[in-house]
Amino acid sequence: MRFRRLESSDSSSIAALFYESVHGLCGGEYTPAELAAWAPDDIDPEAWAERFMDQYSLVAVDDGAVVGFGSADIPTCCIDMLYVSPSASGHGVGKLLLSALESRLCGTAHVYASDTAKGFFLHMGYRVVRDNTVIRHGVALHNQLMEKELCNSFS
């Protein structure tokens, strides 16, 4: 497995992975209506992936296939996205992606973690700051604002 910067040509792969990850991994904590609002089946890959071009964004590639991706907004110290393919879940891809993203941040990192991802982020040293609700396509989705103090030195 290798990591590289996300490229515009990855738009279809990461849109499909996002959909598969949400629908394949989050069904235990979210209803079908919530999953459909969070990751609809009509994602425009190019428009959706544009959000990552101004962030530090990585993809994890294994045997030529994208098995995970993540992005961080460096100025705000925010982990924006972190998704792993259901087939790669539990194999360390998320940990490696998160560590790579965190290595570029300095200060208090924060993330809005889904109920599904909460345990992962707790394991990675984050703490829950507060519960949160976000509205997607008219549907309320529960998540948690979580944070972790990072002490990266860039000298």
N, C-alpha and C. Protein backbone atom coordinates (compact mmCIF):
# COMPACT_ATOMS: atom_id res chain seq x y z
N MET A 1 0.86 -1.17 0.00
CA MET A 1 0.00 0.00 0.00
C MET A 1 0.90 1.23 0.00
N ARG A 2 0.46 2.25 -0.72
CA ARG A 2 1.19 3.51 -0.74
C ARG A 2 0.22 4.66 -0.62
N PHE A 3 0.74 5.80 -0.18
CA PHE A 3 -0.04 7.01 -0.05
C PHE A 3 0.48 8.04 -1.02
N ARG A 4 -0.43 8.81 -1.57
CA ARG A 4 -0.03 9.90 -2.46
C ARG A 4 -1.05 11.01 -2.35
N ARG A 5 -0.68 12.17 -2.85
CA ARG A 5 -1.60 13.30 -2.87
C ARG A 5 -2.78 12.98 -3.79
N LEU A 6 -3.95 13.40 -3.36
CA LEU A 6 -5.16 13.23 -4.16
C LEU A 6 -5.05 14.10 -5.41
N GLU A 7 -5.45 13.55 -6.54
CA GLU A 7 -5.43 14.26 -7.81
C GLU A 7 -6.86 14.37 -8.34
N SER A 8 -7.08 15.33 -9.23
CA SER A 8 -8.44 15.51 -9.78
C SER A 8 -8.92 14.24 -10.49
N SER A 9 -8.00 13.45 -11.02
CA SER A 9 -8.39 12.21 -11.70
C SER A 9 -8.91 11.14 -10.72
N ASP A 10 -8.77 11.38 -9.42
CA ASP A 10 -9.28 10.45 -8.41
C ASP A 10 -10.75 10.69 -8.08
N SER A 11 -11.38 11.68 -8.70
CA SER A 11 -12.72 12.10 -8.27
C SER A 11 -13.74 10.96 -8.28
N SER A 12 -13.77 10.16 -9.34
CA SER A 12 -14.75 9.05 -9.39
C SER A 12 -14.44 7.99 -8.34
N SER A 13 -13.16 7.69 -8.16
CA SER A 13 -12.77 6.66 -7.18
C SER A 13 -13.13 7.07 -5.76
N ILE A 14 -12.85 8.33 -5.39
CA ILE A 14 -13.13 8.72 -4.01
C ILE A 14 -14.62 8.92 -3.78
N ALA A 15 -15.36 9.36 -4.80
CA ALA A 15 -16.81 9.49 -4.64
C ALA A 15 -17.43 8.10 -4.42
N ALA A 16 -16.99 7.12 -5.18
CA ALA A 16 -17.50 5.75 -5.03
C ALA A 16 -17.09 5.18 -3.68
N LEU A 17 -15.85 5.41 -3.26
CA LEU A 17 -15.39 4.92 -1.97
C LEU A 17 -16.17 5.55 -0.83
N PHE A 18 -16.42 6.86 -0.92
CA PHE A 18 -17.22 7.56 0.09
C PHE A 18 -18.59 6.90 0.23
N TYR A 19 -19.26 6.69 -0.89
CA TYR A 19 -20.59 6.06 -0.87
C TYR A 19 -20.51 4.66 -0.25
N GLU A 20 -19.55 3.85 -0.71
CA GLU A 20 -19.41 2.48 -0.20
C GLU A 20 -19.07 2.46 1.29
N SER A 21 -18.23 3.38 1.71
CA SER A 21 -17.84 3.43 3.12
C SER A 21 -19.02 3.78 4.01
N VAL A 22 -19.74 4.83 3.66
CA VAL A 22 -20.89 5.25 4.46
C VAL A 22 -21.94 4.15 4.50
N HIS A 23 -22.32 3.64 3.34
CA HIS A 23 -23.39 2.64 3.28
C HIS A 23 -22.93 1.27 3.77
N GLY A 24 -21.64 0.97 3.63
CA GLY A 24 -21.14 -0.35 4.02
C GLY A 24 -20.69 -0.46 5.47
N LEU A 25 -20.36 0.68 6.09
CA LEU A 25 -19.82 0.63 7.44
C LEU A 25 -20.68 1.30 8.51
N CYS A 26 -21.61 2.14 8.11
CA CYS A 26 -22.32 2.97 9.10
C CYS A 26 -23.76 2.56 9.35
N GLY A 27 -24.20 1.47 8.76
CA GLY A 27 -25.59 1.05 8.90
C GLY A 27 -26.00 0.66 10.31
N GLY A 28 -25.05 0.34 11.15
CA GLY A 28 -25.39 -0.02 12.53
C GLY A 28 -25.76 1.17 13.39
N GLU A 29 -25.32 2.35 13.01
CA GLU A 29 -25.58 3.55 13.80
C GLU A 29 -26.54 4.53 13.13
N TYR A 30 -26.78 4.38 11.85
CA TYR A 30 -27.61 5.33 11.11
C TYR A 30 -28.68 4.57 10.32
N THR A 31 -29.83 5.21 10.16
CA THR A 31 -30.94 4.61 9.42
C THR A 31 -30.68 4.69 7.92
N PRO A 32 -31.41 3.92 7.11
CA PRO A 32 -31.26 4.03 5.66
C PRO A 32 -31.51 5.46 5.15
N ALA A 33 -32.46 6.17 5.73
CA ALA A 33 -32.73 7.55 5.31
C ALA A 33 -31.54 8.46 5.64
N GLU A 34 -30.94 8.24 6.81
CA GLU A 34 -29.77 9.03 7.20
C GLU A 34 -28.58 8.74 6.29
N LEU A 35 -28.37 7.47 5.96
CA LEU A 35 -27.28 7.09 5.06
C LEU A 35 -27.47 7.71 3.68
N ALA A 36 -28.70 7.69 3.19
CA ALA A 36 -28.99 8.26 1.87
C ALA A 36 -28.79 9.77 1.85
N ALA A 37 -29.09 10.44 2.95
CA ALA A 37 -28.87 11.89 3.03
C ALA A 37 -27.39 12.21 3.13
N TRP A 38 -26.66 11.41 3.86
CA TRP A 38 -25.23 11.60 4.06
C TRP A 38 -24.45 11.32 2.78
N ALA A 39 -24.76 10.21 2.15
CA ALA A 39 -24.06 9.79 0.94
C ALA A 39 -25.08 9.37 -0.11
N PRO A 40 -25.64 10.35 -0.83
CA PRO A 40 -26.66 10.03 -1.84
C PRO A 40 -26.04 9.27 -3.02
N ASP A 41 -26.90 8.60 -3.76
CA ASP A 41 -26.38 7.81 -4.90
C ASP A 41 -26.17 8.64 -6.16
N ASP A 42 -26.41 9.95 -6.09
CA ASP A 42 -26.24 10.81 -7.27
C ASP A 42 -25.12 11.84 -7.08
N ILE A 43 -24.04 11.44 -6.42
CA ILE A 43 -22.91 12.34 -6.20
C ILE A 43 -22.26 12.67 -7.54
N ASP A 44 -22.02 13.95 -7.77
CA ASP A 44 -21.27 14.40 -8.95
C ASP A 44 -19.79 14.35 -8.55
N PRO A 45 -19.04 13.36 -9.02
CA PRO A 45 -17.67 13.17 -8.54
C PRO A 45 -16.77 14.40 -8.70
N GLU A 46 -16.85 15.05 -9.84
CA GLU A 46 -15.97 16.19 -10.08
C GLU A 46 -16.30 17.36 -9.16
N ALA A 47 -17.57 17.69 -9.04
CA ALA A 47 -17.97 18.79 -8.16
C ALA A 47 -17.66 18.46 -6.70
N TRP A 48 -17.90 17.23 -6.32
CA TRP A 48 -17.68 16.81 -4.94
C TRP A 48 -16.20 16.84 -4.59
N ALA A 49 -15.35 16.37 -5.51
CA ALA A 49 -13.92 16.27 -5.23
C ALA A 49 -13.22 17.63 -5.25
N GLU A 50 -13.83 18.64 -5.85
CA GLU A 50 -13.22 19.97 -5.89
C GLU A 50 -12.91 20.50 -4.50
N ARG A 51 -13.72 20.12 -3.52
CA ARG A 51 -13.51 20.61 -2.16
C ARG A 51 -12.16 20.21 -1.61
N PHE A 52 -11.56 19.16 -2.15
CA PHE A 52 -10.30 18.65 -1.62
C PHE A 52 -9.06 19.31 -2.23
N MET A 53 -9.26 20.05 -3.30
CA MET A 53 -8.11 20.62 -4.00
C MET A 53 -7.43 21.73 -3.19
N ASP A 54 -8.14 22.37 -2.29
CA ASP A 54 -7.54 23.42 -1.46
C ASP A 54 -7.12 22.90 -0.09
N GLN A 55 -7.15 21.60 0.09
CA GLN A 55 -6.78 20.99 1.36
C GLN A 55 -5.59 20.05 1.13
N TYR A 56 -5.00 19.62 2.24
CA TYR A 56 -3.99 18.58 2.16
C TYR A 56 -4.75 17.26 2.10
N SER A 57 -4.79 16.64 0.93
CA SER A 57 -5.63 15.47 0.70
C SER A 57 -4.78 14.31 0.18
N LEU A 58 -5.01 13.14 0.76
CA LEU A 58 -4.25 11.95 0.42
C LEU A 58 -5.18 10.81 0.03
N VAL A 59 -4.67 9.92 -0.80
CA VAL A 59 -5.36 8.66 -1.08
C VAL A 59 -4.42 7.52 -0.73
N ALA A 60 -5.02 6.43 -0.26
CA ALA A 60 -4.29 5.19 0.00
C ALA A 60 -4.59 4.26 -1.17
N VAL A 61 -3.54 3.76 -1.79
CA VAL A 61 -3.69 2.91 -2.97
C VAL A 61 -3.07 1.55 -2.67
N ASP A 62 -3.83 0.49 -2.94
CA ASP A 62 -3.36 -0.88 -2.76
C ASP A 62 -3.66 -1.66 -4.03
N ASP A 63 -2.65 -2.24 -4.62
CA ASP A 63 -2.80 -2.99 -5.88
C ASP A 63 -3.54 -2.18 -6.94
N GLY A 64 -3.24 -0.89 -7.02
CA GLY A 64 -3.82 -0.02 -8.04
C GLY A 64 -5.19 0.53 -7.72
N ALA A 65 -5.79 0.10 -6.63
CA ALA A 65 -7.14 0.57 -6.26
C ALA A 65 -7.06 1.52 -5.06
N VAL A 66 -7.88 2.56 -5.10
CA VAL A 66 -7.98 3.48 -3.98
C VAL A 66 -8.77 2.78 -2.88
N VAL A 67 -8.14 2.62 -1.70
CA VAL A 67 -8.79 1.93 -0.58
C VAL A 67 -9.09 2.87 0.59
N GLY A 68 -8.69 4.14 0.46
CA GLY A 68 -8.98 5.12 1.50
C GLY A 68 -8.58 6.50 1.03
N PHE A 69 -9.15 7.50 1.68
CA PHE A 69 -8.74 8.87 1.40
C PHE A 69 -9.02 9.73 2.63
N GLY A 70 -8.30 10.80 2.73
CA GLY A 70 -8.49 11.72 3.83
C GLY A 70 -8.05 13.11 3.43
N SER A 71 -8.58 14.10 4.15
CA SER A 71 -8.21 15.48 3.86
C SER A 71 -8.17 16.27 5.15
N ALA A 72 -7.31 17.26 5.16
CA ALA A 72 -7.18 18.15 6.30
C ALA A 72 -7.08 19.58 5.79
N ASP A 73 -7.79 20.47 6.46
CA ASP A 73 -7.67 21.89 6.19
C ASP A 73 -6.60 22.41 7.15
N ILE A 74 -5.42 22.67 6.63
CA ILE A 74 -4.28 23.00 7.48
C ILE A 74 -4.49 24.30 8.26
N PRO A 75 -4.97 25.40 7.65
CA PRO A 75 -5.11 26.63 8.43
C PRO A 75 -6.04 26.51 9.64
N THR A 76 -7.09 25.70 9.51
CA THR A 76 -8.04 25.57 10.63
C THR A 76 -7.76 24.35 11.50
N CYS A 77 -6.75 23.56 11.13
CA CYS A 77 -6.36 22.36 11.89
C CYS A 77 -7.54 21.38 11.99
N CYS A 78 -8.24 21.21 10.87
CA CYS A 78 -9.44 20.37 10.83
C CYS A 78 -9.23 19.14 9.95
N ILE A 79 -9.50 17.97 10.51
CA ILE A 79 -9.58 16.76 9.69
C ILE A 79 -10.96 16.82 9.06
N ASP A 80 -11.01 17.05 7.77
CA ASP A 80 -12.29 17.24 7.08
C ASP A 80 -12.93 15.91 6.71
N MET A 81 -12.16 15.03 6.12
CA MET A 81 -12.69 13.74 5.68
C MET A 81 -11.68 12.65 5.98
N LEU A 82 -12.19 11.46 6.29
CA LEU A 82 -11.36 10.28 6.46
C LEU A 82 -12.26 9.07 6.23
N TYR A 83 -12.08 8.42 5.09
CA TYR A 83 -12.93 7.29 4.73
C TYR A 83 -12.07 6.14 4.20
N VAL A 84 -12.47 4.94 4.56
CA VAL A 84 -11.78 3.73 4.15
C VAL A 84 -12.80 2.79 3.53
N SER A 85 -12.37 2.09 2.50
CA SER A 85 -13.21 1.09 1.86
C SER A 85 -13.62 0.02 2.86
N PRO A 86 -14.85 -0.48 2.80
CA PRO A 86 -15.24 -1.55 3.71
C PRO A 86 -14.28 -2.75 3.64
N SER A 87 -13.74 -3.04 2.46
CA SER A 87 -12.82 -4.19 2.32
C SER A 87 -11.48 -3.93 3.01
N ALA A 88 -11.12 -2.67 3.24
CA ALA A 88 -9.86 -2.33 3.89
C ALA A 88 -10.03 -1.96 5.36
N SER A 89 -11.27 -1.87 5.81
CA SER A 89 -11.54 -1.49 7.19
C SER A 89 -10.93 -2.51 8.15
N GLY A 90 -10.30 -1.99 9.20
CA GLY A 90 -9.70 -2.86 10.19
C GLY A 90 -8.29 -3.33 9.85
N HIS A 91 -7.72 -2.80 8.77
CA HIS A 91 -6.38 -3.21 8.35
C HIS A 91 -5.34 -2.11 8.53
N GLY A 92 -5.67 -1.06 9.28
CA GLY A 92 -4.70 -0.01 9.58
C GLY A 92 -4.66 1.14 8.60
N VAL A 93 -5.46 1.09 7.55
CA VAL A 93 -5.45 2.15 6.54
C VAL A 93 -5.86 3.49 7.15
N GLY A 94 -6.93 3.49 7.93
CA GLY A 94 -7.41 4.72 8.56
C GLY A 94 -6.38 5.31 9.51
N LYS A 95 -5.73 4.45 10.30
CA LYS A 95 -4.70 4.92 11.24
C LYS A 95 -3.55 5.58 10.50
N LEU A 96 -3.10 4.94 9.43
CA LEU A 96 -1.98 5.49 8.67
C LEU A 96 -2.37 6.80 7.98
N LEU A 97 -3.56 6.85 7.42
CA LEU A 97 -4.03 8.09 6.79
C LEU A 97 -4.13 9.22 7.80
N LEU A 98 -4.75 8.93 8.95
CA LEU A 98 -4.90 9.96 9.97
C LEU A 98 -3.54 10.45 10.45
N SER A 99 -2.61 9.55 10.69
CA SER A 99 -1.27 9.95 11.13
C SER A 99 -0.59 10.83 10.10
N ALA A 100 -0.75 10.51 8.82
CA ALA A 100 -0.15 11.32 7.77
C ALA A 100 -0.77 12.72 7.73
N LEU A 101 -2.08 12.80 7.90
CA LEU A 101 -2.75 14.10 7.92
C LEU A 101 -2.32 14.90 9.14
N GLU A 102 -2.30 14.25 10.31
CA GLU A 102 -1.92 14.94 11.54
C GLU A 102 -0.49 15.47 11.48
N SER A 103 0.37 14.79 10.74
CA SER A 103 1.77 15.22 10.66
C SER A 103 1.93 16.59 10.01
N ARG A 104 0.91 17.03 9.31
CA ARG A 104 0.94 18.34 8.65
C ARG A 104 0.26 19.43 9.47
N LEU A 105 -0.30 19.06 10.63
CA LEU A 105 -1.05 20.01 11.45
C LEU A 105 -0.27 20.38 12.70
N CYS A 106 -0.57 21.55 13.23
CA CYS A 106 0.06 22.00 14.46
C CYS A 106 -1.00 22.70 15.29
N GLY A 107 -1.13 22.30 16.55
CA GLY A 107 -2.14 22.92 17.42
C GLY A 107 -3.17 21.90 17.83
N THR A 108 -4.40 22.36 18.01
CA THR A 108 -5.49 21.47 18.40
C THR A 108 -6.26 21.05 17.16
N ALA A 109 -6.09 19.79 16.80
CA ALA A 109 -6.82 19.25 15.65
C ALA A 109 -8.25 18.96 16.07
N HIS A 110 -9.18 19.16 15.15
CA HIS A 110 -10.56 18.80 15.44
C HIS A 110 -11.18 18.08 14.25
N VAL A 111 -12.22 17.33 14.55
CA VAL A 111 -12.93 16.54 13.55
C VAL A 111 -14.37 16.39 14.01
N TYR A 112 -15.29 16.38 13.06
CA TYR A 112 -16.68 16.02 13.35
C TYR A 112 -16.80 14.55 12.99
N ALA A 113 -16.78 13.69 13.99
CA ALA A 113 -16.75 12.25 13.79
C ALA A 113 -18.16 11.67 13.87
N SER A 114 -18.44 10.79 12.93
CA SER A 114 -19.73 10.08 12.95
C SER A 114 -19.79 9.18 14.17
N ASP A 115 -20.98 8.72 14.49
CA ASP A 115 -21.14 7.77 15.58
C ASP A 115 -20.31 6.51 15.30
N THR A 116 -20.20 6.14 14.02
CA THR A 116 -19.42 4.97 13.63
C THR A 116 -17.94 5.19 13.87
N ALA A 117 -17.44 6.39 13.58
CA ALA A 117 -16.01 6.69 13.68
C ALA A 117 -15.57 7.13 15.07
N LYS A 118 -16.50 7.37 15.95
CA LYS A 118 -16.17 7.89 17.28
C LYS A 118 -15.14 7.00 18.00
N GLY A 119 -15.36 5.70 18.03
CA GLY A 119 -14.44 4.79 18.70
C GLY A 119 -13.04 4.82 18.10
N PHE A 120 -12.97 4.92 16.78
CA PHE A 120 -11.68 5.02 16.10
C PHE A 120 -10.92 6.26 16.57
N PHE A 121 -11.61 7.41 16.57
CA PHE A 121 -10.94 8.64 16.97
C PHE A 121 -10.58 8.64 18.45
N LEU A 122 -11.41 8.04 19.29
CA LEU A 122 -11.05 7.90 20.71
C LEU A 122 -9.76 7.07 20.83
N HIS A 123 -9.68 5.99 20.11
CA HIS A 123 -8.50 5.13 20.11
C HIS A 123 -7.26 5.89 19.62
N MET A 124 -7.46 6.85 18.73
CA MET A 124 -6.35 7.63 18.17
C MET A 124 -6.01 8.85 19.03
N GLY A 125 -6.61 8.95 20.22
CA GLY A 125 -6.24 10.01 21.14
C GLY A 125 -7.11 11.24 21.15
N TYR A 126 -8.20 11.23 20.41
CA TYR A 126 -9.13 12.36 20.40
C TYR A 126 -10.08 12.26 21.58
N ARG A 127 -10.64 13.37 21.96
CA ARG A 127 -11.65 13.39 23.02
C ARG A 127 -12.90 14.09 22.50
N VAL A 128 -14.04 13.70 23.02
CA VAL A 128 -15.30 14.32 22.62
C VAL A 128 -15.42 15.68 23.30
N VAL A 129 -15.68 16.70 22.50
CA VAL A 129 -15.90 18.04 23.02
C VAL A 129 -17.40 18.24 23.26
N ARG A 130 -18.20 17.84 22.26
CA ARG A 130 -19.65 17.97 22.39
C ARG A 130 -20.34 17.17 21.29
N ASP A 131 -21.60 16.84 21.55
CA ASP A 131 -22.43 16.24 20.51
C ASP A 131 -22.80 17.32 19.50
N ASN A 132 -23.09 16.89 18.29
CA ASN A 132 -23.39 17.83 17.22
C ASN A 132 -24.44 17.21 16.30
N THR A 133 -25.18 18.06 15.64
CA THR A 133 -26.13 17.63 14.62
C THR A 133 -25.90 18.46 13.37
N VAL A 134 -25.84 17.79 12.23
CA VAL A 134 -25.69 18.45 10.94
C VAL A 134 -26.89 18.05 10.09
N ILE A 135 -27.37 18.96 9.28
CA ILE A 135 -28.51 18.68 8.39
C ILE A 135 -27.98 18.45 6.98
N ARG A 136 -28.28 17.30 6.41
CA ARG A 136 -27.91 16.97 5.04
C ARG A 136 -29.17 16.58 4.29
N HIS A 137 -29.47 17.31 3.23
CA HIS A 137 -30.65 17.02 2.41
C HIS A 137 -31.91 16.93 3.27
N GLY A 138 -32.00 17.81 4.26
CA GLY A 138 -33.18 17.88 5.11
C GLY A 138 -33.25 16.84 6.21
N VAL A 139 -32.20 16.06 6.38
CA VAL A 139 -32.18 14.99 7.39
C VAL A 139 -31.12 15.33 8.44
N ALA A 140 -31.50 15.21 9.71
CA ALA A 140 -30.56 15.47 10.81
C ALA A 140 -29.66 14.25 11.02
N LEU A 141 -28.36 14.51 11.07
CA LEU A 141 -27.38 13.46 11.32
C LEU A 141 -26.59 13.79 12.58
N HIS A 142 -26.49 12.85 13.49
CA HIS A 142 -25.77 13.05 14.74
C HIS A 142 -24.29 12.73 14.53
N ASN A 143 -23.42 13.56 15.12
CA ASN A 143 -22.00 13.27 15.17
C ASN A 143 -21.41 13.94 16.41
N GLN A 144 -20.10 13.89 16.56
CA GLN A 144 -19.43 14.49 17.70
C GLN A 144 -18.29 15.38 17.23
N LEU A 145 -18.18 16.54 17.85
CA LEU A 145 -16.98 17.34 17.66
C LEU A 145 -15.93 16.75 18.60
N MET A 146 -14.80 16.37 18.02
CA MET A 146 -13.73 15.76 18.80
C MET A 146 -12.44 16.54 18.54
N GLU A 147 -11.51 16.50 19.49
CA GLU A 147 -10.26 17.22 19.30
C GLU A 147 -9.10 16.47 19.93
N LYS A 148 -7.91 16.85 19.47
CA LYS A 148 -6.67 16.25 19.96
C LYS A 148 -5.57 17.30 19.85
N GLU A 149 -4.80 17.43 20.90
CA GLU A 149 -3.68 18.38 20.88
C GLU A 149 -2.51 17.72 20.14
N LEU A 150 -2.01 18.42 19.13
CA LEU A 150 -0.87 17.93 18.36
C LEU A 150 0.34 18.81 18.68
N CYS A 151 1.47 18.20 18.75
CA CYS A 151 2.69 18.94 19.09
C CYS A 151 3.73 18.75 17.99
N ASN A 152 3.32 18.95 16.76
CA ASN A 152 4.24 18.77 15.64
C ASN A 152 5.19 19.96 15.55
N SER A 153 6.42 19.67 15.27
CA SER A 153 7.43 20.73 15.09
C SER A 153 7.86 20.70 13.63
N PHE A 154 7.87 21.86 13.00
CA PHE A 154 8.22 21.96 11.60
C PHE A 154 9.61 22.57 11.41
N SER A 155 10.44 22.53 12.43
CA SER A 155 11.78 23.11 12.32
C SER A 155 12.77 22.15 11.73
